[in-house]
């Protein structure tokens, strides 16, 4: 016996939240040291290093993107067969 969903609200409740694409960043230049908002330092980073988004605060990534020091690399979470 097959059940048929009668209410639209039931479909909304059953839907899974969409996974957001994860982001990593490629460094476009050598950066010896970065000063973080909490006055700690991070680095060194070399050209073509791939660094995950969680390694540095969002504010730092924004500044690096605006200045052209990094390029984003989007990682799709549900790629079939792993890659």
Protein backbone atom coordinates (compact mmCIF):
# COMPACT_ATOMS: atom_id res chain seq x y z
CA UNK A 1 0.00 0.00 0.00
CA UNK A 2 1.37 3.41 -1.02
CA UNK A 3 0.70 6.48 1.10
CA UNK A 4 -0.04 9.76 -0.62
CA UNK A 5 0.94 13.03 1.04
CA UNK A 6 -2.21 15.12 1.49
CA UNK A 7 -0.75 18.30 2.90
CA UNK A 8 1.83 20.62 1.38
CA UNK A 9 3.10 21.40 4.89
CA UNK A 10 3.98 17.75 5.33
CA UNK A 11 6.29 17.92 2.32
CA UNK A 12 7.98 21.05 3.67
CA UNK A 13 8.65 19.41 7.03
CA UNK A 14 10.09 16.30 5.42
CA UNK A 15 12.50 18.10 3.09
CA UNK A 16 16.14 18.07 4.09
CA UNK A 17 18.07 21.32 4.34
CA UNK A 18 20.30 21.98 1.35
CA UNK A 19 24.00 21.57 1.94
CA UNK A 20 26.04 24.66 1.22
CA UNK A 21 29.08 24.28 -0.96
CA UNK A 22 32.26 24.34 1.07
CA UNK A 23 34.93 26.85 0.16
CA UNK A 24 38.70 26.61 0.15
CA UNK A 25 41.03 29.34 -1.05
CA UNK A 26 44.07 29.31 -3.36
CA UNK A 27 46.73 31.82 -2.41
CA UNK A 28 47.89 33.83 -5.43
CA UNK A 29 51.05 35.17 -3.77
CA UNK A 30 53.42 34.43 -0.92
CA UNK A 31 52.27 35.94 2.38
CA UNK A 32 54.75 35.60 5.24
CA UNK A 33 52.38 36.44 8.10
CA UNK A 34 48.78 37.61 8.67
CA UNK A 35 47.64 39.52 11.76
CA UNK A 36 44.29 38.13 12.95
CA UNK A 37 41.56 40.18 14.70
CA UNK A 38 42.52 38.67 18.09
CA UNK A 39 46.12 39.96 17.53
CA UNK A 40 47.52 36.47 16.91
CA UNK A 41 49.47 35.71 13.76
CA UNK A 42 48.91 33.08 11.08
CA UNK A 43 51.21 31.99 8.31
CA UNK A 44 53.36 31.67 6.33
CA UNK A 45 51.29 30.97 3.21
CA UNK A 46 52.94 30.18 -0.13
CA UNK A 47 51.62 30.77 -3.63
CA UNK A 48 49.21 27.98 -4.71
CA UNK A 49 48.54 26.83 -1.14
CA UNK A 50 44.98 25.52 -0.76
CA UNK A 51 43.57 26.51 2.64
CA UNK A 52 40.14 25.62 4.04
CA UNK A 53 37.66 28.33 5.00
CA UNK A 54 37.78 27.48 8.70
CA UNK A 55 41.52 28.10 9.01
CA UNK A 56 41.11 31.89 9.19
CA UNK A 57 38.24 34.18 10.30
CA UNK A 58 35.73 35.39 7.70
CA UNK A 59 36.91 39.01 8.04
CA UNK A 60 40.43 38.02 7.00
CA UNK A 61 39.17 36.07 3.97
CA UNK A 62 37.14 39.10 2.84
CA UNK A 63 40.20 41.36 2.97
CA UNK A 64 42.34 38.81 1.11
CA UNK A 65 39.65 38.42 -1.60
CA UNK A 66 39.30 42.18 -2.09
CA UNK A 67 43.07 42.60 -2.41
CA UNK A 68 43.37 39.71 -4.88
CA UNK A 69 45.62 37.62 -2.66
CA UNK A 70 43.35 34.55 -2.81
CA UNK A 71 40.83 32.96 -5.20
CA UNK A 72 37.88 30.90 -3.94
CA UNK A 73 37.60 27.23 -4.81
CA UNK A 74 34.09 25.82 -4.27
CA UNK A 75 33.81 22.20 -3.21
CA UNK A 76 30.45 20.64 -4.04
CA UNK A 77 29.46 18.34 -1.14
CA UNK A 78 27.31 15.82 -3.04
CA UNK A 79 29.43 15.04 -6.08
CA UNK A 80 28.58 11.55 -7.31
CA UNK A 81 31.29 8.91 -6.93
CA UNK A 82 33.55 11.13 -4.87
CA UNK A 83 35.30 13.22 -7.49
